């Protein structure tokens, strides 16, 4: 397998910029998820890595070699699509072995590698079956097998689970990660589903309007969002925002929201007076009758082990993840306590996170 390095990659279609100066590295054997909504540039980025689209500018390196303008066939990359793209007139064995047949490998070697791959994917029992009669999950395994059997330098996957139902998707998420662990394959995986990305990826690149908003581990993306966009896109429910207007000085350990002092990690930069937003995840809010931050219970979503309670405050609706056995009444006034060690602070004008001791230590400590 091999490292993939992207430097200042840009793609324009006439006046539309699909990808804007993206740079990132996928280490040898790492699993990277390109995550974002439709139209954010993730599939275009993947297609440029594959050689199916040529970049307007920038460089693509595969295993240290500049492959920016190499044909797809010269890049030693395997592509798995959302639509399985299998040959319906061939059985499973012939579908998996077709890339090797095209390379002119001996029949004995093709047979051995196909059976090795089928065993890895746990589909040995369907090798002689027609692909047209298979369930979606099995067809996706066959598509993966056809990619794996080539033993390429890296795998590129474009929403390969998008056509599967929820049950199959959950199974395949687990199987894909297990497969990655077994073959230690360098993988770039495109998805709009944050749960897929968080469950499988070693690193995530969150994209928005052709820009990589944040690149990091799932833990960094979730706990230390670099922008309000990332904080809102990641998490179910997403991060809550309390907006306020104030000046924040370097060294500040608290902010005042509607006259209520809220503690936060030490700020490492000055901000002029302007609109700021305090970000807090639902699980970092708890009910506390003595808290000065108060609101009225609006509704709840019961999730079995816990519940999401919506509380209407003077600064908008806040959602708290609280124990399932917590009782309350709709319309009841409650106090909300925020975990000061887990708060994020954002500049609303730029949408970017304000650096704090929490952010700085996590990134550099």
Protein backbone atom coordinates (compact mmCIF):
# COMPACT_ATOMS: atom_id res chain seq x y z
CA UNK A 1 0.00 0.00 0.00
CA UNK A 2 1.08 3.64 -0.30
CA UNK A 3 0.82 7.18 0.98
CA UNK A 4 -1.42 9.62 -0.90
CA UNK A 5 -0.38 13.29 -0.76
CA UNK A 6 -2.50 16.12 -2.14
CA UNK A 7 -1.03 19.61 -2.54
CA UNK A 8 -3.13 22.70 -3.33
CA UNK A 9 -5.58 20.71 -5.44
CA UNK A 10 -8.07 22.83 -7.36
CA UNK A 11 -10.78 22.00 -9.89
CA UNK A 12 -12.85 24.49 -11.88
CA UNK A 13 -15.68 23.85 -14.31
CA UNK A 14 -16.00 27.11 -16.28
CA UNK A 15 -16.91 29.71 -13.61
CA UNK A 16 -17.68 27.13 -10.91
CA UNK A 17 -14.94 26.08 -8.49
CA UNK A 18 -15.68 22.54 -7.29
CA UNK A 19 -12.52 22.08 -5.18
CA UNK A 20 -10.53 24.97 -3.72
CA UNK A 21 -6.84 24.51 -2.99
CA UNK A 22 -7.13 21.33 -0.91
CA UNK A 23 -4.07 19.85 0.78
CA UNK A 24 -3.91 16.70 2.92
CA UNK A 25 -1.98 13.45 3.34
CA UNK A 26 -3.34 9.94 3.73
CA UNK A 27 -0.67 7.88 5.44
CA UNK A 28 0.29 4.40 4.29
CA UNK A 29 -2.46 2.08 5.54
CA UNK A 30 -4.75 4.88 6.78
CA UNK A 31 -8.50 5.10 6.18
CA UNK A 32 -9.59 8.64 5.23
CA UNK A 33 -13.23 9.68 4.89
CA UNK A 34 -14.12 12.66 2.71
CA UNK A 35 -17.29 13.83 4.44
CA UNK A 36 -19.81 16.44 3.45
CA UNK A 37 -23.18 17.15 1.81
CA UNK A 38 -23.96 16.74 -1.88
CA UNK A 39 -22.06 19.23 -4.03
CA UNK A 40 -19.28 19.92 -1.51
CA UNK A 41 -16.50 18.61 -3.79
CA UNK A 42 -15.75 15.26 -2.15
CA UNK A 43 -16.49 13.07 -5.20
CA UNK A 44 -14.63 15.48 -7.50
CA UNK A 45 -11.62 15.22 -5.19
CA UNK A 46 -11.84 11.42 -5.29
CA UNK A 47 -12.12 11.40 -9.09
CA UNK A 48 -8.98 13.54 -9.37
CA UNK A 49 -7.07 11.13 -7.12
CA UNK A 50 -8.29 8.28 -9.34
CA UNK A 51 -7.32 10.03 -12.57
CA UNK A 52 -10.90 10.25 -13.83
CA UNK A 53 -10.73 14.06 -13.65
CA UNK A 54 -7.69 16.23 -14.27
CA UNK A 55 -7.09 19.05 -11.75
CA UNK A 56 -7.03 22.69 -12.80
CA UNK A 57 -3.96 23.09 -10.58
CA UNK A 58 -2.18 21.34 -7.75
CA UNK A 59 -0.33 18.06 -7.34
CA UNK A 60 -1.24 14.44 -6.54
CA UNK A 61 1.44 12.08 -5.24
CA UNK A 62 0.99 8.33 -4.87
CA UNK A 63 3.73 6.45 -3.06
CA UNK A 64 5.99 9.48 -3.58
CA UNK A 65 5.41 9.60 -7.36
CA UNK A 66 3.76 12.59 -9.02
CA UNK A 67 0.73 11.07 -10.76
CA UNK A 68 -1.19 14.34 -11.29
CA UNK A 69 -1.58 13.85 -15.03
CA UNK A 70 -1.21 10.07 -15.26
CA UNK A 71 -4.08 8.10 -16.74
CA UNK A 72 -6.29 6.20 -14.31
CA UNK A 73 -4.93 2.91 -15.64
CA UNK A 74 -1.37 3.97 -14.74
CA UNK A 75 -2.09 4.77 -11.08
CA UNK A 76 -2.56 1.27 -9.63
CA UNK A 77 -5.74 2.32 -7.82
CA UNK A 78 -8.90 0.28 -7.29
CA UNK A 79 -12.26 2.09 -7.39
CA UNK A 80 -15.47 0.88 -5.70
CA UNK A 81 -18.62 2.74 -6.80
CA UNK A 82 -22.02 3.32 -5.20
CA UNK A 83 -23.57 1.30 -8.03
CA UNK A 84 -21.91 -2.10 -7.98
CA UNK A 85 -21.06 -2.13 -11.72
CA UNK A 86 -20.91 -5.93 -11.83
CA UNK A 87 -21.17 -8.03 -14.98
CA UNK A 88 -24.67 -9.63 -14.80
CA UNK A 89 -23.84 -12.42 -17.28
CA UNK A 90 -20.94 -13.65 -15.09
CA UNK A 91 -21.05 -15.52 -11.82
CA UNK A 92 -19.33 -14.27 -8.66
CA UNK A 93 -16.07 -16.09 -9.38
CA UNK A 94 -15.73 -14.63 -12.85
CA UNK A 95 -16.66 -11.11 -11.68
CA UNK A 96 -13.96 -11.13 -9.02
CA UNK A 97 -11.36 -12.67 -11.31
CA UNK A 98 -12.04 -10.46 -14.34
CA UNK A 99 -9.35 -7.81 -13.54
CA UNK A 100 -6.73 -10.56 -13.28
CA UNK A 101 -7.94 -12.17 -16.51
CA UNK A 102 -7.58 -8.78 -18.22
CA UNK A 103 -3.99 -8.60 -16.95
CA UNK A 104 -3.26 -11.98 -18.53
CA UNK A 105 -2.42 -13.82 -15.31
CA UNK A 106 -2.26 -17.64 -15.41
CA UNK A 107 -5.53 -19.43 -14.64
CA UNK A 108 -4.09 -21.19 -11.59
CA UNK A 109 -3.00 -17.87 -10.04
CA UNK A 110 -6.38 -16.28 -10.81
CA UNK A 111 -8.18 -19.21 -9.15
CA UNK A 112 -5.98 -19.02 -6.05
CA UNK A 113 -6.32 -15.23 -5.63
CA UNK A 114 -10.08 -15.26 -6.23
CA UNK A 115 -10.56 -17.96 -3.59
CA UNK A 116 -8.25 -16.14 -1.16
CA UNK A 117 -10.26 -12.93 -1.64
CA UNK A 118 -13.61 -14.73 -1.32
CA UNK A 119 -12.47 -16.28 1.95
CA UNK A 120 -11.40 -12.85 3.24
CA UNK A 121 -14.86 -11.45 2.40
CA UNK A 122 -16.68 -14.57 3.63
CA UNK A 123 -18.36 -15.19 0.26
CA UNK A 124 -16.71 -18.50 -0.69
CA UNK A 125 -20.13 -20.19 -0.58
CA UNK A 126 -21.53 -18.02 -3.39
CA UNK A 127 -18.61 -18.12 -5.86
CA UNK A 128 -20.58 -20.11 -8.42
CA UNK A 129 -23.80 -18.09 -8.10
CA UNK A 130 -25.03 -15.48 -10.56
CA UNK A 131 -24.58 -11.94 -9.26
CA UNK A 132 -28.02 -10.93 -10.54
CA UNK A 133 -29.75 -12.99 -7.86
CA UNK A 134 -27.68 -11.76 -4.91
CA UNK A 135 -28.81 -9.44 -2.13
CA UNK A 136 -27.37 -5.94 -2.04
CA UNK A 137 -24.89 -6.70 0.73
CA UNK A 138 -23.47 -9.70 -1.13
CA UNK A 139 -23.22 -7.76 -4.38
CA UNK A 140 -21.25 -5.07 -2.58
CA UNK A 141 -18.90 -7.73 -1.21
CA UNK A 142 -18.37 -8.99 -4.76
CA UNK A 143 -17.58 -5.44 -5.92
CA UNK A 144 -15.10 -5.11 -3.06
CA UNK A 145 -13.61 -8.48 -3.97
CA UNK A 146 -13.01 -7.37 -7.55
CA UNK A 147 -11.08 -4.38 -6.20
CA UNK A 148 -9.14 -6.31 -3.55
CA UNK A 149 -8.07 -9.15 -5.82
CA UNK A 150 -5.85 -6.78 -7.82
CA UNK A 151 -3.80 -5.86 -4.71
CA UNK A 152 -3.57 -2.20 -5.72
CA UNK A 153 -1.63 0.55 -3.95
CA UNK A 154 -4.83 2.09 -2.58
CA UNK A 155 -8.62 1.87 -2.63
CA UNK A 156 -11.01 4.67 -3.53
CA UNK A 157 -14.66 4.23 -2.55
CA UNK A 158 -17.47 6.53 -3.66
CA UNK A 159 -20.44 6.06 -1.28
CA UNK A 160 -20.34 2.27 -1.72
CA UNK A 161 -23.08 1.69 0.87
CA UNK A 162 -25.47 4.34 -0.43
CA UNK A 163 -27.92 1.92 -2.08
CA UNK A 164 -28.13 -0.49 0.87
CA UNK A 165 -30.92 -0.45 3.42
CA UNK A 166 -30.19 0.58 7.00
CA UNK A 167 -29.66 -2.97 8.31
CA UNK A 168 -27.24 -3.99 5.55
CA UNK A 169 -25.44 -0.65 5.82
CA UNK A 170 -24.74 -1.15 9.51
CA UNK A 171 -23.37 -4.64 8.84
CA UNK A 172 -21.20 -3.43 5.95
CA UNK A 173 -19.77 -0.51 7.96
CA UNK A 174 -18.45 -3.03 10.47
CA UNK A 175 -17.21 -5.39 7.75
CA UNK A 176 -15.44 -2.64 5.80
CA UNK A 177 -13.51 -1.54 8.88
CA UNK A 178 -12.64 -5.14 9.74
CA UNK A 179 -11.50 -5.67 6.15
CA UNK A 180 -9.35 -2.55 6.35
CA UNK A 181 -7.74 -3.81 9.56
CA UNK A 182 -6.94 -7.18 7.97
CA UNK A 183 -5.41 -5.95 4.72
CA UNK A 184 -4.09 -2.61 6.05
CA UNK A 185 -5.12 -0.87 2.84
CA UNK A 186 -4.71 2.84 2.18
CA UNK A 187 -8.30 3.92 1.61
CA UNK A 188 -10.13 7.12 0.65
CA UNK A 189 -13.86 6.82 1.28
CA UNK A 190 -16.48 9.37 0.17
CA UNK A 191 -19.67 9.67 2.20
CA UNK A 192 -22.32 12.17 3.27
CA UNK A 193 -23.10 10.02 6.33
CA UNK A 194 -21.28 11.17 9.47
CA UNK A 195 -21.97 7.85 11.21
CA UNK A 196 -20.12 5.93 8.49
CA UNK A 197 -17.18 8.33 8.66
CA UNK A 198 -16.95 8.31 12.46
CA UNK A 199 -17.24 4.51 12.64
CA UNK A 200 -14.64 3.64 9.99
CA UNK A 201 -12.13 6.42 9.43
CA UNK A 202 -8.73 7.05 11.00
CA UNK A 203 -8.90 10.61 9.64
CA UNK A 204 -11.80 12.70 8.34
CA UNK A 205 -11.78 15.66 5.95
CA UNK A 206 -15.00 17.64 6.38
CA UNK A 207 -15.77 19.51 3.15
CA UNK A 208 -18.05 22.45 2.40
CA UNK A 209 -18.34 24.35 -0.90
CA UNK A 210 -15.11 22.83 -2.19
CA UNK A 211 -13.12 23.72 0.94
CA UNK A 212 -11.76 21.36 3.57
CA UNK A 213 -13.17 22.91 6.74
CA UNK A 214 -11.27 20.54 9.02
CA UNK A 215 -8.92 17.57 8.72
CA UNK A 216 -8.32 15.38 11.75
CA UNK A 217 -9.20 12.28 13.71
CA UNK A 218 -12.86 11.55 14.50
CA UNK A 219 -12.17 12.59 18.11
CA UNK A 220 -10.71 15.95 17.04
CA UNK A 221 -13.52 16.59 14.58
CA UNK A 222 -16.17 15.90 17.21
CA UNK A 223 -14.59 17.39 20.34
CA UNK A 224 -12.69 20.31 18.79
CA UNK A 225 -14.61 21.51 15.72
CA UNK A 226 -12.59 24.09 13.79
CA UNK A 227 -15.68 25.93 12.58
CA UNK A 228 -19.37 26.39 13.27
CA UNK A 229 -20.08 24.46 10.08
CA UNK A 230 -18.21 21.38 11.37
CA UNK A 231 -19.81 21.71 14.82
CA UNK A 232 -23.27 21.81 13.23
CA UNK A 233 -22.62 19.06 10.67
CA UNK A 234 -21.11 16.55 13.09
CA UNK A 235 -23.14 15.13 15.94
CA UNK A 236 -26.70 13.94 16.40
CA UNK A 237 -28.08 16.24 17.61
CA UNK A 238 -25.42 18.74 16.51
CA UNK A 239 -23.66 21.20 18.78
CA UNK A 240 -25.79 23.89 20.44
CA UNK A 241 -24.86 27.55 19.93
CA UNK A 242 -25.39 30.42 22.37
CA UNK A 243 -24.77 33.65 20.49
CA UNK A 244 -23.80 36.86 22.24
CA UNK A 245 -22.04 40.16 21.55
CA UNK A 246 -18.92 40.93 23.55
CA UNK A 247 -15.18 41.46 23.43
CA UNK A 248 -12.94 38.57 24.50
CA UNK A 249 -9.40 39.20 25.69
CA UNK A 250 -6.45 36.87 25.66
CA UNK A 251 -6.38 34.93 28.91
CA UNK A 252 -10.15 35.10 29.43
CA UNK A 253 -11.57 32.16 31.41
CA UNK A 254 -15.25 33.12 31.19
CA UNK A 255 -17.77 34.99 29.04
CA UNK A 256 -20.99 36.76 29.90
CA UNK A 257 -24.13 35.62 28.09
CA UNK A 258 -27.21 37.71 28.94
CA UNK A 259 -25.52 38.74 32.17
CA UNK A 260 -24.73 35.14 33.11
CA UNK A 261 -21.03 34.32 33.56
CA UNK A 262 -20.12 31.03 31.90
CA UNK A 263 -16.69 29.49 32.51
CA UNK A 264 -14.67 28.23 29.54
CA UNK A 265 -11.12 27.07 28.78
CA UNK A 266 -8.52 29.85 28.65
CA UNK A 267 -8.65 31.90 25.43
CA UNK A 268 -5.33 32.34 23.59
CA UNK A 269 -6.26 35.24 21.31
CA UNK A 270 -7.96 38.63 21.52
CA UNK A 271 -11.30 39.26 19.81
CA UNK A 272 -12.71 42.71 19.22
CA UNK A 273 -16.30 43.39 20.19
CA UNK A 274 -18.54 41.41 17.86
CA UNK A 275 -20.92 38.48 17.67
CA UNK A 276 -19.52 35.32 19.19
CA UNK A 277 -21.04 31.88 19.73
CA UNK A 278 -20.52 29.53 22.62
CA UNK A 279 -20.77 25.91 21.44
CA UNK A 280 -21.77 23.00 23.67
CA UNK A 281 -22.60 19.40 22.83
CA UNK A 282 -25.93 18.03 24.18
CA UNK A 283 -24.13 15.53 26.42
CA UNK A 284 -22.22 18.38 28.08
CA UNK A 285 -25.40 19.99 29.44
CA UNK A 286 -27.11 18.82 32.62
CA UNK A 287 -30.11 20.00 34.58
CA UNK A 288 -29.22 21.94 37.74
CA UNK A 289 -31.91 23.88 39.60
CA UNK A 290 -29.33 26.29 41.05
CA UNK A 291 -27.94 27.33 37.64
CA UNK A 292 -28.55 30.91 36.49
CA UNK A 293 -29.02 29.79 32.86
CA UNK A 294 -32.68 28.83 32.69
CA UNK A 295 -35.26 27.80 30.15
CA UNK A 296 -38.59 26.10 29.56
CA UNK A 297 -38.83 22.42 28.56
CA UNK A 298 -40.14 22.29 25.00
CA UNK A 299 -40.12 18.56 24.23
CA UNK A 300 -38.13 15.33 24.39
CA UNK A 301 -36.96 12.42 22.25
CA UNK A 302 -36.69 9.13 24.12
CA UNK A 303 -33.74 6.99 22.97
CA UNK A 304 -33.86 4.10 25.43
CA UNK A 305 -30.63 4.58 27.38
CA UNK A 306 -31.03 8.38 27.36
CA UNK A 307 -33.25 11.14 26.04
CA UNK A 308 -32.77 14.39 24.15
CA UNK A 309 -34.60 17.21 25.95
CA UNK A 310 -35.21 20.48 24.10
CA UNK A 311 -35.21 23.59 26.30
CA UNK A 312 -36.32 27.03 25.08
CA UNK A 313 -34.03 29.74 26.50
CA UNK A 314 -33.68 33.46 25.91
CA UNK A 315 -30.90 32.64 23.42
CA UNK A 316 -32.83 30.00 21.50
CA UNK A 317 -33.44 26.26 21.73
CA UNK A 318 -30.85 24.12 23.51
CA UNK A 319 -30.84 20.32 23.37
CA UNK A 320 -29.50 18.31 26.31
CA UNK A 321 -28.74 14.59 26.42
CA UNK A 322 -29.87 13.43 29.85
CA UNK A 323 -30.53 10.04 31.53
CA UNK A 324 -33.65 8.22 30.39
CA UNK A 325 -35.06 8.09 33.91
CA UNK A 326 -34.98 11.86 34.36
CA UNK A 327 -38.55 13.14 34.74
CA UNK A 328 -39.85 16.57 33.75
CA UNK A 329 -42.98 18.30 32.51
CA UNK A 330 -43.47 20.14 29.23
CA UNK A 331 -43.35 23.86 30.04
CA UNK A 332 -41.41 23.29 33.27
CA UNK A 333 -38.66 25.85 33.99
CA UNK A 334 -35.27 24.21 34.48
CA UNK A 335 -31.71 25.34 35.14
CA UNK A 336 -28.98 24.31 32.70
CA UNK A 337 -25.35 23.76 33.68
CA UNK A 338 -22.69 23.63 30.95
CA UNK A 339 -19.48 21.61 31.31
CA UNK A 340 -16.93 24.44 31.13
CA UNK A 341 -14.08 22.09 30.15
CA UNK A 342 -15.93 20.98 27.01
CA UNK A 343 -17.11 24.31 25.57
CA UNK A 344 -16.09 25.75 22.21
CA UNK A 345 -15.99 29.44 21.28
CA UNK A 346 -16.54 30.72 17.74
CA UNK A 347 -16.26 34.03 15.92
CA UNK A 348 -19.60 34.34 14.09
CA UNK A 349 -18.18 36.66 11.40
CA UNK A 350 -15.64 34.10 10.19
CA UNK A 351 -17.36 31.01 11.57
CA UNK A 352 -13.98 29.80 12.86
CA UNK A 353 -13.16 28.53 16.34
CA UNK A 354 -11.38 30.85 18.75
CA UNK A 355 -8.24 29.19 20.09
CA UNK A 356 -8.40 28.11 23.73
CA UNK A 357 -6.14 26.07 26.00
CA UNK A 358 -8.31 23.01 25.29
CA UNK A 359 -7.86 23.38 21.53
CA UNK A 360 -4.17 24.26 21.73
CA UNK A 361 -3.23 21.36 24.02
CA UNK A 362 -5.15 18.83 21.96
CA UNK A 363 -3.52 19.94 18.73
CA UNK A 364 0.03 20.38 19.98
CA UNK A 365 0.31 18.64 23.32
